Amino acid sequence: MTLADTARAGLAARLHLSVAAFTLWLVATSPWVAMLRRIPANAGWLDWSHVAVGCLLLLVSIAYAWSVTHGGRWRSIFPVLPGQLRAVRSDIVGLARGRIPPSESGGLFGLVEGLLLAFLLLAGVTGAAWFVAQGNDAALDWRTLHQFSARGVIGLLVAHVTAVSLHLLEFVRD
């Protein structure tokens, strides 16, 4: 591994940690955010922090997406795009038989990571669009799309944490 590869891996790790922390904050505080068509005049610190952390997360997510996809590495987290469905199908069959799929194979777990990243970016873009459109009719449409993508992030985050947990369990067993 070259010095540049080591630096890139370190940057990706720091970005991943930031993405995880910001995402957990947004998910944990979202039930108390009270915005519909616009930020209310009496918005509290949770409303404003949700907007601020969400905007920051969008920027960090873009940087993270770049760090994990450039140089052809996108194939491992988007196996559907290059037509590698065979690896995904093989991982699903193996999982049904009690085998834990490899994490870096571009198979099922890679697909979960890629979908999570895509939904995270979608949640960020729709949240920013909702903020920009506040006060007009399009704001409610952006809100609906933002909620859909945020729910996708939550579901895929559960799948991602489950996959990581399975690998940790496998590591401890070996």
Protein backbone atom coordinates (compact mmCIF):
# COMPACT_ATOMS: atom_id res chain seq x y z
CA MET A 1 0.00 0.00 0.00
CA THR A 2 1.41 3.38 -1.01
CA LEU A 3 1.52 6.48 1.15
CA ALA A 4 -1.28 8.00 -0.94
CA ASP A 5 -3.43 4.89 -0.41
CA THR A 6 -2.82 5.06 3.34
CA ALA A 7 -3.74 8.74 3.44
CA ARG A 8 -6.87 8.09 1.34
CA ALA A 9 -7.90 5.25 3.66
CA GLY A 10 -7.38 7.48 6.70
CA LEU A 11 -9.48 10.24 5.13
CA ALA A 12 -12.23 7.76 4.25
CA ALA A 13 -12.22 6.44 7.83
CA ARG A 14 -12.54 9.96 9.29
CA LEU A 15 -15.30 10.84 6.83
CA HIS A 16 -17.10 7.58 7.63
CA LEU A 17 -16.98 8.39 11.35
CA SER A 18 -18.33 11.89 10.67
CA VAL A 19 -21.11 10.55 8.44
CA ALA A 20 -22.07 8.01 11.11
CA ALA A 21 -22.10 10.56 13.94
CA PHE A 22 -24.07 13.19 11.98
CA THR A 23 -26.54 10.59 10.71
CA LEU A 24 -27.17 9.24 14.20
CA TRP A 25 -27.74 12.79 15.48
CA LEU A 26 -30.24 13.55 12.72
CA VAL A 27 -32.14 10.28 13.15
CA ALA A 28 -32.23 10.61 16.94
CA THR A 29 -33.49 14.21 16.88
CA SER A 30 -35.85 14.00 13.90
CA PRO A 31 -39.00 13.13 15.90
CA TRP A 32 -38.77 16.53 17.60
CA VAL A 33 -38.24 18.58 14.44
CA ALA A 34 -41.36 20.62 13.70
CA MET A 35 -41.15 21.82 10.11
CA LEU A 36 -43.70 21.51 7.34
CA ARG A 37 -43.82 24.16 4.64
CA ARG A 38 -41.19 26.35 6.34
CA ILE A 39 -39.08 26.66 9.45
CA PRO A 40 -41.51 28.02 12.04
CA ALA A 41 -40.97 31.46 13.53
CA ASN A 42 -40.65 29.85 16.97
CA ALA A 43 -38.17 27.20 15.80
CA GLY A 44 -36.06 25.81 18.59
CA TRP A 45 -32.46 24.70 18.69
CA LEU A 46 -33.39 21.15 17.56
CA ASP A 47 -35.00 22.52 14.38
CA TRP A 48 -32.01 24.72 13.60
CA SER A 49 -29.46 22.06 14.54
CA HIS A 50 -31.24 19.57 12.29
CA VAL A 51 -30.92 21.97 9.36
CA ALA A 52 -27.29 22.86 10.15
CA VAL A 53 -26.13 19.29 10.79
CA GLY A 54 -28.09 18.11 7.74
CA CYS A 55 -26.33 20.63 5.50
CA LEU A 56 -22.97 19.68 6.97
CA LEU A 57 -23.77 15.99 6.50
CA LEU A 58 -24.62 16.59 2.85
CA LEU A 59 -21.18 18.13 2.27
CA VAL A 60 -19.38 15.41 4.23
CA SER A 61 -21.41 12.71 2.44
CA ILE A 62 -20.37 14.07 -0.95
CA ALA A 63 -16.71 13.98 0.13
CA TYR A 64 -17.16 10.47 1.55
CA ALA A 65 -18.89 9.26 -1.61
CA TRP A 66 -16.00 10.57 -3.67
CA SER A 67 -13.44 8.93 -1.38
CA VAL A 68 -15.03 5.48 -1.59
CA THR A 69 -16.03 5.46 -5.25
CA HIS A 70 -13.30 7.10 -7.33
CA GLY A 71 -10.67 5.09 -9.12
CA GLY A 72 -13.07 2.30 -10.01
CA ARG A 73 -13.89 1.45 -6.40
CA TRP A 74 -17.54 2.23 -7.07
CA ARG A 75 -17.90 -1.30 -8.45
CA SER A 76 -17.64 -2.81 -4.96
CA ILE A 77 -20.54 -0.79 -3.51
CA PHE A 78 -22.70 -0.59 -6.63
CA PRO A 79 -22.47 -4.16 -7.95
CA VAL A 80 -25.75 -3.79 -9.83
CA LEU A 81 -24.34 -1.12 -12.16
CA PRO A 82 -21.54 -3.18 -13.71
CA GLY A 83 -23.83 -6.21 -13.96
CA GLN A 84 -22.38 -8.17 -11.05
CA LEU A 85 -25.70 -9.50 -9.85
CA ARG A 86 -24.25 -13.00 -9.77
CA ALA A 87 -22.20 -12.07 -6.66
CA VAL A 88 -25.29 -10.59 -4.96
CA ARG A 89 -27.35 -13.67 -5.81
CA SER A 90 -24.56 -15.97 -4.58
CA ASP A 91 -24.33 -14.04 -1.29
CA ILE A 92 -28.11 -14.31 -0.76
CA VAL A 93 -28.01 -18.06 -1.39
CA GLY A 94 -25.01 -18.41 0.94
CA LEU A 95 -26.73 -16.34 3.63
CA ALA A 96 -29.77 -18.61 3.42
CA ARG A 97 -27.40 -21.53 4.05
CA GLY A 98 -25.82 -19.82 7.07
CA ARG A 99 -22.70 -18.43 5.39
CA ILE A 100 -21.78 -14.81 6.03
CA PRO A 101 -21.03 -13.01 2.77
CA PRO A 102 -17.63 -11.33 2.42
CA SER A 103 -17.67 -7.59 3.02
CA GLU A 104 -15.40 -6.46 0.20
CA SER A 105 -16.65 -8.72 -2.57
CA GLY A 106 -19.00 -6.35 -4.33
CA GLY A 107 -21.87 -8.63 -3.40
CA LEU A 108 -24.82 -8.28 -1.03
CA PHE A 109 -23.08 -6.29 1.71
CA GLY A 110 -21.50 -4.01 -0.88
CA LEU A 111 -24.95 -3.44 -2.34
CA VAL A 112 -26.29 -2.50 1.11
CA GLU A 113 -23.42 -0.01 1.53
CA GLY A 114 -24.02 1.48 -1.90
CA LEU A 115 -27.75 1.83 -1.39
CA LEU A 116 -27.17 3.38 2.04
CA LEU A 117 -24.80 5.92 0.51
CA ALA A 118 -27.23 6.69 -2.32
CA PHE A 119 -30.16 7.16 0.09
CA LEU A 120 -27.99 9.29 2.38
CA LEU A 121 -27.12 11.59 -0.52
CA LEU A 122 -30.76 11.63 -1.61
CA ALA A 123 -31.87 12.56 1.92
CA GLY A 124 -29.33 15.38 1.97
CA VAL A 125 -30.29 16.75 -1.43
CA THR A 126 -34.02 16.57 -0.73
CA GLY A 127 -33.54 18.13 2.70
CA ALA A 128 -31.57 21.01 1.17
CA ALA A 129 -34.20 21.41 -1.57
CA TRP A 130 -36.93 21.45 1.07
CA PHE A 131 -35.05 24.19 2.94
CA VAL A 132 -34.57 26.25 -0.24
CA ALA A 133 -38.22 25.77 -1.30
CA GLN A 134 -39.65 26.67 2.11
CA GLY A 135 -42.73 28.80 1.92
CA ASN A 136 -43.92 27.63 -1.48
CA ASP A 137 -46.00 24.66 -2.65
CA ALA A 138 -42.97 22.60 -3.68
CA ALA A 139 -41.73 22.52 -0.07
CA LEU A 140 -44.26 19.85 0.90
CA ASP A 141 -43.24 17.68 -2.07
CA TRP A 142 -39.57 17.99 -1.08
CA ARG A 143 -40.53 17.17 2.51
CA THR A 144 -42.27 13.99 1.36
CA LEU A 145 -39.23 12.94 -0.69
CA HIS A 146 -36.93 13.80 2.22
CA GLN A 147 -38.95 11.68 4.63
CA PHE A 148 -38.98 8.76 2.17
CA SER A 149 -35.22 8.91 1.68
CA ALA A 150 -34.58 9.38 5.42
CA ARG A 151 -36.63 6.25 6.15
CA GLY A 152 -34.58 4.44 3.51
CA VAL A 153 -31.41 5.56 5.30
CA ILE A 154 -32.75 4.21 8.60
CA GLY A 155 -33.68 0.83 7.13
CA LEU A 156 -30.41 0.47 5.26
CA LEU A 157 -28.48 1.64 8.31
CA VAL A 158 -30.03 -1.22 10.29
CA ALA A 159 -29.00 -3.63 7.51
CA HIS A 160 -25.47 -2.14 7.45
CA VAL A 161 -25.03 -2.41 11.22
CA THR A 162 -26.34 -5.98 11.07
CA ALA A 163 -23.79 -6.85 8.37
CA VAL A 164 -20.95 -5.28 10.34
CA SER A 165 -22.09 -7.13 13.46
CA LEU A 166 -22.10 -10.43 11.57
CA HIS A 167 -18.53 -9.80 10.45
CA LEU A 168 -17.44 -8.91 13.97
CA LEU A 169 -19.07 -12.10 15.24
CA GLU A 170 -17.29 -14.10 12.55
CA PHE A 171 -13.99 -12.40 13.46
CA VAL A 172 -14.43 -13.28 17.14
CA ARG A 173 -15.27 -16.90 16.26
CA ASP A 174 -12.10 -17.26 14.20
